[in-house]
């Protein structure tokens, strides 16, 4: 992706950023797997931590907090786009994404609460 972004940097600038993001994710996963240890029973520590209740609760809280932060950031993008006189279609798309995210968040939350 980084090579494609360098070749087509005039038309598609986001490809280089996407390549850098994928590279960062790959490096993070490499270090995560490298530090993984195995218990005496042959079970991976990462598997134990992944199924631990505390880890699940922390991930759920972090996901919920991130959802609210991203919703707030999208709303700020809407306000800035409106103040900078971005096209009406652009501001409507940003606002509709915020509304859609709020609606889907409540539906998904109800679904998981009913299945617990």
N, C-alpha and C. Protein backbone atom coordinates (compact mmCIF):
# COMPACT_ATOMS: atom_id res chain seq x y z
N UNK A 1 0.82 -1.19 0.00
CA UNK A 1 0.00 0.00 0.00
C UNK A 1 0.87 1.26 0.00
N UNK A 2 2.00 1.19 0.70
CA UNK A 2 2.89 2.35 0.72
C UNK A 2 3.47 2.59 -0.66
N UNK A 3 3.82 1.51 -1.37
CA UNK A 3 4.37 1.65 -2.73
C UNK A 3 3.30 2.20 -3.67
N UNK A 4 2.09 1.68 -3.59
CA UNK A 4 1.00 2.20 -4.43
C UNK A 4 0.72 3.67 -4.12
N UNK A 5 0.77 4.02 -2.84
CA UNK A 5 0.57 5.42 -2.45
C UNK A 5 1.65 6.32 -2.99
N UNK A 6 2.88 5.81 -3.07
CA UNK A 6 3.97 6.60 -3.62
C UNK A 6 3.82 6.76 -5.13
N UNK A 7 3.37 5.70 -5.80
CA UNK A 7 3.21 5.76 -7.25
C UNK A 7 2.06 6.68 -7.63
N UNK A 8 0.94 6.53 -6.97
CA UNK A 8 -0.26 7.30 -7.32
C UNK A 8 -0.53 8.43 -6.32
N UNK A 9 0.50 9.07 -5.80
CA UNK A 9 0.31 10.07 -4.75
C UNK A 9 -0.48 11.28 -5.21
N UNK A 10 -0.55 11.54 -6.49
CA UNK A 10 -1.29 12.71 -6.96
C UNK A 10 -2.79 12.53 -6.86
N UNK A 11 -3.26 11.34 -7.22
CA UNK A 11 -4.70 11.10 -7.25
C UNK A 11 -5.24 10.48 -5.96
N UNK A 12 -4.48 9.59 -5.39
CA UNK A 12 -4.97 8.82 -4.24
C UNK A 12 -4.01 8.96 -3.06
N UNK A 13 -4.07 10.07 -2.37
CA UNK A 13 -3.16 10.32 -1.25
C UNK A 13 -3.48 9.45 -0.04
N UNK A 14 -4.71 9.02 0.09
CA UNK A 14 -5.10 8.24 1.26
C UNK A 14 -4.49 6.85 1.25
N UNK A 15 -4.04 6.36 0.10
CA UNK A 15 -3.48 5.01 0.02
C UNK A 15 -2.19 4.93 0.84
N UNK A 16 -1.38 5.96 0.82
CA UNK A 16 -0.14 5.96 1.59
C UNK A 16 -0.44 5.93 3.08
N UNK A 17 -1.43 6.69 3.50
CA UNK A 17 -1.81 6.71 4.91
C UNK A 17 -2.35 5.34 5.32
N UNK A 18 -3.14 4.72 4.45
CA UNK A 18 -3.66 3.39 4.73
C UNK A 18 -2.52 2.39 4.85
N UNK A 19 -1.52 2.50 3.98
CA UNK A 19 -0.36 1.62 4.05
C UNK A 19 0.40 1.79 5.35
N UNK A 20 0.57 3.02 5.79
CA UNK A 20 1.25 3.27 7.06
C UNK A 20 0.45 2.70 8.23
N UNK A 21 -0.86 2.83 8.17
CA UNK A 21 -1.71 2.29 9.24
C UNK A 21 -1.60 0.76 9.29
N UNK A 22 -1.64 0.12 8.12
CA UNK A 22 -1.51 -1.34 8.08
C UNK A 22 -0.15 -1.80 8.57
N UNK A 23 0.89 -1.03 8.25
CA UNK A 23 2.23 -1.36 8.73
C UNK A 23 2.28 -1.26 10.25
N UNK A 24 1.68 -0.22 10.81
CA UNK A 24 1.65 -0.08 12.27
C UNK A 24 0.91 -1.21 12.94
N UNK A 25 -0.21 -1.63 12.36
CA UNK A 25 -0.98 -2.74 12.93
C UNK A 25 -0.17 -4.03 12.85
N UNK A 26 0.53 -4.24 11.75
CA UNK A 26 1.34 -5.45 11.60
C UNK A 26 2.46 -5.49 12.63
N UNK A 27 3.12 -4.36 12.85
CA UNK A 27 4.19 -4.31 13.85
C UNK A 27 3.64 -4.57 15.24
N UNK A 28 2.49 -4.00 15.55
CA UNK A 28 1.88 -4.22 16.86
C UNK A 28 1.54 -5.69 17.07
N UNK A 29 0.96 -6.34 16.05
CA UNK A 29 0.63 -7.76 16.17
C UNK A 29 1.88 -8.62 16.30
N UNK A 30 2.95 -8.25 15.59
CA UNK A 30 4.20 -9.00 15.68
C UNK A 30 4.74 -8.97 17.11
N UNK A 31 4.80 -7.79 17.71
CA UNK A 31 5.32 -7.68 19.07
C UNK A 31 4.39 -8.36 20.08
N UNK A 32 3.10 -8.32 19.83
CA UNK A 32 2.16 -8.97 20.73
C UNK A 32 2.36 -10.49 20.70
N UNK A 33 2.56 -11.04 19.52
CA UNK A 33 2.76 -12.49 19.40
C UNK A 33 4.15 -12.89 19.88
N UNK A 34 5.12 -12.02 19.73
CA UNK A 34 6.48 -12.34 20.14
C UNK A 34 6.60 -12.48 21.65
N UNK A 35 5.90 -11.63 22.40
CA UNK A 35 6.00 -11.68 23.86
C UNK A 35 5.08 -12.71 24.49
N UNK A 36 4.32 -13.44 23.68
CA UNK A 36 3.40 -14.45 24.20
C UNK A 36 4.20 -15.60 24.82
N UNK A 37 3.78 -16.03 26.00
CA UNK A 37 4.42 -17.16 26.66
C UNK A 37 3.40 -18.28 26.80
N UNK A 38 3.92 -19.45 27.08
CA UNK A 38 3.07 -20.64 27.20
C UNK A 38 3.21 -21.19 28.62
N UNK A 39 2.09 -21.56 29.21
CA UNK A 39 2.10 -22.10 30.57
C UNK A 39 2.61 -23.54 30.56
N UNK A 40 2.69 -24.13 31.76
CA UNK A 40 3.15 -25.52 31.87
C UNK A 40 2.21 -26.49 31.17
N UNK A 41 0.92 -26.11 31.10
CA UNK A 41 -0.07 -26.97 30.46
C UNK A 41 -0.09 -26.83 28.94
N UNK A 42 0.70 -25.91 28.41
CA UNK A 42 0.75 -25.70 26.97
C UNK A 42 -0.29 -24.71 26.46
N UNK A 43 -0.87 -23.92 27.37
CA UNK A 43 -1.89 -22.93 26.98
C UNK A 43 -1.22 -21.57 26.84
N UNK A 44 -1.56 -20.87 25.80
CA UNK A 44 -0.99 -19.55 25.55
C UNK A 44 -1.53 -18.55 26.56
N UNK A 45 -0.64 -17.68 27.05
CA UNK A 45 -1.06 -16.64 27.99
C UNK A 45 -2.05 -15.67 27.34
N UNK A 46 -1.85 -15.39 26.05
CA UNK A 46 -2.77 -14.49 25.34
C UNK A 46 -4.18 -15.08 25.29
N UNK A 47 -4.29 -16.40 25.11
CA UNK A 47 -5.60 -17.04 25.11
C UNK A 47 -6.27 -16.95 26.48
N UNK A 48 -5.47 -17.13 27.53
CA UNK A 48 -6.02 -17.03 28.89
C UNK A 48 -6.49 -15.60 29.15
N UNK A 49 -5.66 -14.63 28.80
CA UNK A 49 -6.04 -13.23 29.02
C UNK A 49 -7.24 -12.83 28.19
N UNK A 50 -7.35 -13.38 26.98
CA UNK A 50 -8.46 -13.02 26.10
C UNK A 50 -9.80 -13.49 26.68
N UNK A 51 -9.79 -14.62 27.40
CA UNK A 51 -11.03 -15.15 27.95
C UNK A 51 -11.27 -14.72 29.40
N UNK A 52 -10.36 -13.94 29.96
CA UNK A 52 -10.50 -13.47 31.33
C UNK A 52 -11.63 -12.44 31.41
N UNK A 53 -12.43 -12.52 32.47
CA UNK A 53 -13.57 -11.61 32.64
C UNK A 53 -13.16 -10.16 32.73
N UNK A 54 -12.06 -9.90 33.42
CA UNK A 54 -11.60 -8.52 33.56
C UNK A 54 -11.20 -7.93 32.22
N UNK A 55 -10.53 -8.74 31.40
CA UNK A 55 -10.12 -8.26 30.07
C UNK A 55 -11.34 -7.97 29.21
N UNK A 56 -12.33 -8.83 29.29
CA UNK A 56 -13.56 -8.62 28.51
C UNK A 56 -14.26 -7.35 28.96
N UNK A 57 -14.33 -7.12 30.28
CA UNK A 57 -14.97 -5.92 30.80
C UNK A 57 -14.20 -4.66 30.39
N UNK A 58 -12.88 -4.71 30.48
CA UNK A 58 -12.06 -3.55 30.09
C UNK A 58 -12.24 -3.27 28.60
N UNK A 59 -12.24 -4.31 27.77
CA UNK A 59 -12.43 -4.10 26.33
C UNK A 59 -13.80 -3.53 26.02
N UNK A 60 -14.81 -3.98 26.75
CA UNK A 60 -16.17 -3.46 26.53
C UNK A 60 -16.25 -2.00 26.92
N UNK A 61 -15.69 -1.65 28.07
CA UNK A 61 -15.70 -0.25 28.50
C UNK A 61 -14.90 0.63 27.55
N UNK A 62 -13.75 0.13 27.10
CA UNK A 62 -12.93 0.91 26.17
C UNK A 62 -13.65 1.09 24.84
N UNK A 63 -14.33 0.06 24.36
CA UNK A 63 -15.07 0.17 23.12
C UNK A 63 -16.22 1.16 23.22
N UNK A 64 -16.90 1.14 24.35
CA UNK A 64 -18.02 2.06 24.56
C UNK A 64 -17.52 3.50 24.64
N UNK A 65 -16.42 3.71 25.36
CA UNK A 65 -15.84 5.05 25.47
C UNK A 65 -15.37 5.54 24.11
N UNK A 66 -14.72 4.67 23.37
CA UNK A 66 -14.25 5.04 22.04
C UNK A 66 -15.42 5.39 21.12
N UNK A 67 -16.51 4.68 21.26
CA UNK A 67 -17.70 4.96 20.46
C UNK A 67 -18.22 6.37 20.73
N UNK A 68 -18.29 6.74 22.00
CA UNK A 68 -18.77 8.08 22.34
C UNK A 68 -17.79 9.16 21.87
N UNK A 69 -16.50 8.91 22.00
CA UNK A 69 -15.50 9.88 21.55
C UNK A 69 -15.59 10.07 20.04
N UNK A 70 -15.72 8.98 19.31
CA UNK A 70 -15.81 9.08 17.85
C UNK A 70 -17.11 9.75 17.42
N UNK A 71 -18.18 9.53 18.15
CA UNK A 71 -19.44 10.21 17.85
C UNK A 71 -19.28 11.71 18.08
N UNK A 72 -18.62 12.09 19.16
CA UNK A 72 -18.37 13.50 19.44
C UNK A 72 -17.46 14.10 18.37
N UNK A 73 -16.43 13.36 17.95
CA UNK A 73 -15.52 13.86 16.92
C UNK A 73 -16.24 14.02 15.58
N UNK A 74 -17.15 13.11 15.28
CA UNK A 74 -17.93 13.24 14.04
C UNK A 74 -18.83 14.46 14.10
N UNK A 75 -19.41 14.71 15.26
CA UNK A 75 -20.25 15.89 15.42
C UNK A 75 -19.42 17.17 15.27
N UNK A 76 -18.22 17.19 15.83
CA UNK A 76 -17.32 18.33 15.68
C UNK A 76 -16.97 18.52 14.21
N UNK A 77 -16.73 17.42 13.48
CA UNK A 77 -16.45 17.51 12.05
C UNK A 77 -17.64 18.11 11.31
N UNK A 78 -18.84 17.75 11.74
CA UNK A 78 -20.04 18.33 11.13
C UNK A 78 -20.09 19.84 11.36
N UNK A 79 -19.84 20.27 12.59
CA UNK A 79 -19.89 21.70 12.90
C UNK A 79 -18.82 22.46 12.11
N UNK A 80 -17.60 21.91 12.06
CA UNK A 80 -16.52 22.57 11.32
C UNK A 80 -16.84 22.61 9.83
N UNK A 81 -17.38 21.53 9.30
CA UNK A 81 -17.73 21.51 7.88
C UNK A 81 -18.82 22.53 7.58
N UNK A 82 -19.76 22.66 8.49
CA UNK A 82 -20.83 23.65 8.30
C UNK A 82 -20.28 25.07 8.37
N UNK A 83 -19.37 25.32 9.31
CA UNK A 83 -18.77 26.66 9.43
C UNK A 83 -17.87 27.01 8.25
N UNK A 84 -17.24 26.00 7.65
CA UNK A 84 -16.36 26.24 6.50
C UNK A 84 -17.11 26.22 5.17
N UNK A 85 -18.43 26.17 5.26
CA UNK A 85 -19.29 26.18 4.07
C UNK A 85 -18.99 25.02 3.12
N UNK A 86 -18.79 23.85 3.69
CA UNK A 86 -18.66 22.65 2.87
C UNK A 86 -20.02 22.38 2.26
N UNK A 87 -20.06 21.69 1.15
CA UNK A 87 -21.32 21.48 0.45
C UNK A 87 -22.39 20.88 1.36
N UNK A 88 -23.60 21.15 1.02
CA UNK A 88 -24.75 20.68 1.82
C UNK A 88 -24.77 19.16 1.88
N UNK A 89 -24.41 18.51 0.78
CA UNK A 89 -24.40 17.04 0.75
C UNK A 89 -23.37 16.50 1.73
N UNK A 90 -22.19 17.13 1.78
CA UNK A 90 -21.14 16.69 2.70
C UNK A 90 -21.55 16.79 4.15
N UNK A 91 -22.14 17.91 4.53
CA UNK A 91 -22.58 18.07 5.91
C UNK A 91 -23.74 17.14 6.24
N UNK A 92 -24.62 16.89 5.28
CA UNK A 92 -25.72 15.95 5.51
C UNK A 92 -25.20 14.53 5.71
N UNK A 93 -24.17 14.16 4.97
CA UNK A 93 -23.58 12.82 5.11
C UNK A 93 -22.96 12.68 6.49
N UNK A 94 -22.22 13.68 6.94
CA UNK A 94 -21.60 13.62 8.26
C UNK A 94 -22.66 13.54 9.35
N UNK A 95 -23.70 14.36 9.26
CA UNK A 95 -24.76 14.34 10.25
C UNK A 95 -25.52 13.01 10.24
N UNK A 96 -25.78 12.48 9.06
CA UNK A 96 -26.49 11.20 8.98
C UNK A 96 -25.65 10.06 9.56
N UNK A 97 -24.32 10.14 9.41
CA UNK A 97 -23.46 9.12 10.03
C UNK A 97 -23.52 9.19 11.55
N UNK A 98 -23.57 10.38 12.08
CA UNK A 98 -23.68 10.54 13.53
C UNK A 98 -25.00 9.98 14.04
N UNK A 99 -26.07 10.29 13.37
CA UNK A 99 -27.40 9.80 13.77
C UNK A 99 -27.46 8.28 13.62
N UNK A 100 -26.93 7.76 12.52
CA UNK A 100 -26.92 6.31 12.30
C UNK A 100 -26.10 5.59 13.36
N UNK A 101 -24.97 6.16 13.74
CA UNK A 101 -24.13 5.56 14.77
C UNK A 101 -24.86 5.52 16.11
N UNK A 102 -25.56 6.57 16.47
CA UNK A 102 -26.31 6.59 17.72
C UNK A 102 -27.44 5.57 17.73
N UNK A 103 -28.14 5.45 16.61
CA UNK A 103 -29.24 4.49 16.51
C UNK A 103 -28.72 3.06 16.58
N UNK A 104 -27.67 2.77 15.79
CA UNK A 104 -27.12 1.41 15.78
C UNK A 104 -26.50 1.04 17.11
N UNK A 105 -25.90 2.01 17.78
CA UNK A 105 -25.31 1.73 19.09
C UNK A 105 -26.37 1.27 20.07
N UNK A 106 -27.52 1.93 20.08
CA UNK A 106 -28.57 1.52 21.01
C UNK A 106 -29.18 0.17 20.63
N UNK A 107 -29.30 -0.11 19.34
CA UNK A 107 -29.84 -1.42 18.90
C UNK A 107 -28.90 -2.54 19.29
N UNK A 108 -27.61 -2.35 19.02
CA UNK A 108 -26.64 -3.39 19.35
C UNK A 108 -26.55 -3.60 20.85
N UNK A 109 -26.63 -2.53 21.62
CA UNK A 109 -26.57 -2.64 23.07
C UNK A 109 -27.77 -3.42 23.59
N UNK A 110 -28.96 -3.14 23.08
CA UNK A 110 -30.17 -3.90 23.49
C UNK A 110 -30.03 -5.37 23.12
N UNK A 111 -29.48 -5.64 21.93
CA UNK A 111 -29.32 -7.03 21.48
C UNK A 111 -28.41 -7.81 22.43
N UNK A 112 -27.26 -7.23 22.76
CA UNK A 112 -26.33 -7.94 23.64
C UNK A 112 -26.83 -8.02 25.07
N UNK A 113 -27.58 -7.04 25.53
CA UNK A 113 -28.14 -7.11 26.87
C UNK A 113 -29.19 -8.21 26.97
N UNK A 114 -29.94 -8.43 25.90
CA UNK A 114 -30.97 -9.48 25.92
C UNK A 114 -30.38 -10.88 25.80
N UNK A 115 -29.16 -11.00 25.28
CA UNK A 115 -28.54 -12.31 25.13
C UNK A 115 -27.54 -12.65 26.22
N UNK A 116 -27.46 -11.81 27.25
CA UNK A 116 -26.52 -12.11 28.35
C UNK A 116 -27.23 -12.81 29.46
